[in-house]
Amino acid sequence: MMAKEIIPDSTITCPECGHMKTETMPTDACQWFYECENCHSLLRPKAGDCCVFCSYADVPCPPIQKGDKHCCY
């Protein structure tokens, strides 16, 4: 069985101002903070999410894509 291909890029959307930016995610860790380049809000994961990409982006982080549900706990 072939391993699932990991999508490295995700478009993150600021919940404060709606600014969108495509970023390359870390492949071996979750990102807990992200500063919006437009309004400078500091984003943190929503309760129950492991990282800002899982909370505010269109593609979850690579550890979650790999099936590691406990990657950051």
N, C-alpha and C. Protein backbone atom coordinates (compact mmCIF):
# COMPACT_ATOMS: atom_id res chain seq x y z
N MET A 1 0.84 -1.18 0.00
CA MET A 1 0.00 0.00 0.00
C MET A 1 0.89 1.24 0.00
N MET A 2 0.57 2.19 -0.86
CA MET A 2 1.37 3.40 -0.96
C MET A 2 0.98 4.39 0.12
N ALA A 3 1.99 5.12 0.59
CA ALA A 3 1.73 6.15 1.59
C ALA A 3 0.98 7.31 0.93
N LYS A 4 0.10 7.92 1.72
CA LYS A 4 -0.66 9.05 1.23
C LYS A 4 0.28 10.24 1.02
N GLU A 5 0.14 10.91 -0.12
CA GLU A 5 0.97 12.08 -0.40
C GLU A 5 0.55 13.24 0.51
N ILE A 6 1.53 13.85 1.14
CA ILE A 6 1.29 14.97 2.04
C ILE A 6 1.24 16.26 1.24
N ILE A 7 0.23 17.07 1.49
CA ILE A 7 0.10 18.38 0.85
C ILE A 7 0.85 19.37 1.74
N PRO A 8 1.93 19.99 1.23
CA PRO A 8 2.76 20.84 2.09
C PRO A 8 2.25 22.27 2.26
N ASP A 9 1.42 22.74 1.34
CA ASP A 9 0.97 24.13 1.38
C ASP A 9 -0.50 24.22 1.75
N SER A 10 -0.83 25.27 2.49
CA SER A 10 -2.19 25.49 2.93
C SER A 10 -2.46 26.99 2.94
N THR A 11 -3.69 27.37 2.58
CA THR A 11 -4.06 28.78 2.60
C THR A 11 -4.75 29.07 3.93
N ILE A 12 -4.10 29.93 4.71
CA ILE A 12 -4.61 30.29 6.02
C ILE A 12 -5.39 31.59 5.91
N THR A 13 -6.54 31.66 6.58
CA THR A 13 -7.41 32.84 6.53
C THR A 13 -7.53 33.42 7.92
N CYS A 14 -7.20 34.69 8.06
CA CYS A 14 -7.30 35.37 9.35
C CYS A 14 -8.77 35.55 9.72
N PRO A 15 -9.17 35.10 10.91
CA PRO A 15 -10.58 35.25 11.31
C PRO A 15 -10.92 36.70 11.68
N GLU A 16 -9.92 37.53 11.89
CA GLU A 16 -10.14 38.92 12.27
C GLU A 16 -10.41 39.81 11.07
N CYS A 17 -9.59 39.67 10.01
CA CYS A 17 -9.71 40.59 8.87
C CYS A 17 -10.01 39.89 7.55
N GLY A 18 -9.94 38.56 7.51
CA GLY A 18 -10.23 37.82 6.29
C GLY A 18 -9.06 37.71 5.32
N HIS A 19 -7.89 38.24 5.69
CA HIS A 19 -6.71 38.15 4.83
C HIS A 19 -6.32 36.68 4.64
N MET A 20 -5.99 36.32 3.40
CA MET A 20 -5.62 34.95 3.08
C MET A 20 -4.19 34.91 2.55
N LYS A 21 -3.45 33.89 2.96
CA LYS A 21 -2.09 33.71 2.46
C LYS A 21 -1.76 32.22 2.43
N THR A 22 -1.15 31.79 1.34
CA THR A 22 -0.71 30.41 1.23
C THR A 22 0.68 30.29 1.85
N GLU A 23 0.80 29.34 2.76
CA GLU A 23 2.05 29.13 3.49
C GLU A 23 2.47 27.67 3.36
N THR A 24 3.76 27.42 3.45
CA THR A 24 4.28 26.06 3.52
C THR A 24 4.33 25.68 4.99
N MET A 25 3.68 24.58 5.32
CA MET A 25 3.58 24.14 6.71
C MET A 25 4.82 23.36 7.12
N PRO A 26 5.16 23.40 8.43
CA PRO A 26 6.23 22.52 8.91
C PRO A 26 5.80 21.07 8.72
N THR A 27 6.72 20.21 8.30
CA THR A 27 6.34 18.82 8.00
C THR A 27 6.37 17.91 9.21
N ASP A 28 7.09 18.30 10.26
CA ASP A 28 7.26 17.39 11.38
C ASP A 28 6.79 17.98 12.71
N ALA A 29 6.02 19.05 12.64
CA ALA A 29 5.55 19.70 13.87
C ALA A 29 4.29 20.50 13.57
N CYS A 30 3.60 20.85 14.64
CA CYS A 30 2.43 21.70 14.52
C CYS A 30 2.83 23.14 14.84
N GLN A 31 2.16 24.08 14.23
CA GLN A 31 2.47 25.49 14.46
C GLN A 31 1.38 26.08 15.35
N TRP A 32 1.78 26.54 16.53
CA TRP A 32 0.83 27.00 17.53
C TRP A 32 0.50 28.48 17.42
N PHE A 33 1.33 29.26 16.73
CA PHE A 33 1.09 30.69 16.60
C PHE A 33 1.30 31.12 15.17
N TYR A 34 0.53 32.11 14.74
CA TYR A 34 0.69 32.67 13.40
C TYR A 34 0.25 34.12 13.45
N GLU A 35 1.11 35.03 12.97
CA GLU A 35 0.76 36.44 12.94
C GLU A 35 0.27 36.81 11.55
N CYS A 36 -0.94 37.36 11.47
CA CYS A 36 -1.50 37.82 10.19
C CYS A 36 -0.64 38.98 9.70
N GLU A 37 -0.20 38.87 8.45
CA GLU A 37 0.65 39.94 7.91
C GLU A 37 -0.15 41.21 7.59
N ASN A 38 -1.47 41.12 7.55
CA ASN A 38 -2.30 42.26 7.24
C ASN A 38 -2.68 43.06 8.50
N CYS A 39 -3.32 42.40 9.47
CA CYS A 39 -3.79 43.11 10.66
C CYS A 39 -2.94 42.85 11.90
N HIS A 40 -1.97 41.94 11.78
CA HIS A 40 -1.03 41.60 12.85
C HIS A 40 -1.68 40.91 14.05
N SER A 41 -2.87 40.34 13.87
CA SER A 41 -3.48 39.53 14.94
C SER A 41 -2.63 38.28 15.12
N LEU A 42 -2.47 37.86 16.37
CA LEU A 42 -1.75 36.64 16.66
C LEU A 42 -2.77 35.50 16.78
N LEU A 43 -2.73 34.58 15.83
CA LEU A 43 -3.67 33.47 15.81
C LEU A 43 -3.12 32.32 16.64
N ARG A 44 -4.03 31.68 17.37
CA ARG A 44 -3.73 30.48 18.15
C ARG A 44 -4.75 29.42 17.76
N PRO A 45 -4.44 28.15 17.94
CA PRO A 45 -5.40 27.10 17.59
C PRO A 45 -6.70 27.23 18.38
N LYS A 46 -7.80 26.85 17.74
CA LYS A 46 -9.08 26.77 18.43
C LYS A 46 -9.04 25.58 19.38
N ALA A 47 -9.88 25.60 20.39
CA ALA A 47 -9.95 24.48 21.34
C ALA A 47 -10.19 23.18 20.59
N GLY A 48 -9.37 22.18 20.87
CA GLY A 48 -9.51 20.87 20.24
C GLY A 48 -8.68 20.69 18.99
N ASP A 49 -8.13 21.78 18.45
CA ASP A 49 -7.26 21.68 17.27
C ASP A 49 -5.81 21.70 17.71
N CYS A 50 -4.95 21.05 16.92
CA CYS A 50 -3.54 20.95 17.31
C CYS A 50 -2.71 22.14 16.86
N CYS A 51 -3.18 22.88 15.83
CA CYS A 51 -2.36 23.98 15.33
C CYS A 51 -3.21 25.00 14.58
N VAL A 52 -2.58 26.11 14.21
CA VAL A 52 -3.31 27.17 13.52
C VAL A 52 -3.78 26.72 12.12
N PHE A 53 -3.05 25.82 11.48
CA PHE A 53 -3.48 25.36 10.16
C PHE A 53 -4.74 24.51 10.26
N CYS A 54 -4.84 23.69 11.32
CA CYS A 54 -6.05 22.89 11.50
C CYS A 54 -7.24 23.76 11.86
N SER A 55 -7.00 24.94 12.43
CA SER A 55 -8.09 25.84 12.82
C SER A 55 -8.50 26.81 11.72
N TYR A 56 -7.54 27.33 10.96
CA TYR A 56 -7.84 28.46 10.08
C TYR A 56 -7.45 28.27 8.61
N ALA A 57 -6.99 27.10 8.23
CA ALA A 57 -6.53 26.91 6.86
C ALA A 57 -7.36 25.85 6.12
N ASP A 58 -7.14 25.78 4.82
CA ASP A 58 -7.93 24.86 3.99
C ASP A 58 -7.36 23.45 3.92
N VAL A 59 -6.13 23.25 4.42
CA VAL A 59 -5.52 21.92 4.46
C VAL A 59 -4.94 21.75 5.87
N PRO A 60 -5.25 20.63 6.56
CA PRO A 60 -4.69 20.42 7.90
C PRO A 60 -3.18 20.19 7.86
N CYS A 61 -2.55 20.29 9.01
CA CYS A 61 -1.10 20.14 9.10
C CYS A 61 -0.65 18.74 8.67
N PRO A 62 0.63 18.61 8.23
CA PRO A 62 1.14 17.30 7.79
C PRO A 62 1.01 16.18 8.81
N PRO A 63 1.28 16.40 10.12
CA PRO A 63 1.08 15.28 11.05
C PRO A 63 -0.37 14.75 11.05
N ILE A 64 -1.34 15.63 10.97
CA ILE A 64 -2.74 15.21 10.91
C ILE A 64 -3.02 14.52 9.58
N GLN A 65 -2.46 15.03 8.48
CA GLN A 65 -2.63 14.38 7.18
C GLN A 65 -2.08 12.95 7.21
N LYS A 66 -1.01 12.74 7.98
CA LYS A 66 -0.42 11.40 8.10
C LYS A 66 -1.23 10.48 8.99
N GLY A 67 -2.23 11.04 9.69
CA GLY A 67 -3.07 10.23 10.55
C GLY A 67 -2.67 10.23 12.01
N ASP A 68 -1.74 11.10 12.38
CA ASP A 68 -1.31 11.20 13.76
C ASP A 68 -2.23 12.12 14.53
N LYS A 69 -3.28 11.56 15.09
CA LYS A 69 -4.30 12.36 15.79
C LYS A 69 -3.79 12.95 17.09
N HIS A 70 -2.68 12.43 17.62
CA HIS A 70 -2.13 12.91 18.89
C HIS A 70 -0.79 13.61 18.67
N CYS A 71 -0.59 14.19 17.50
CA CYS A 71 0.71 14.74 17.12
C CYS A 71 1.22 15.81 18.05
N CYS A 72 0.36 16.59 18.62
CA CYS A 72 0.82 17.75 19.38
C CYS A 72 0.36 17.75 20.84
N TYR A 73 -0.07 16.63 21.32
CA TYR A 73 -0.56 16.60 22.68
C TYR A 73 0.41 15.92 23.61
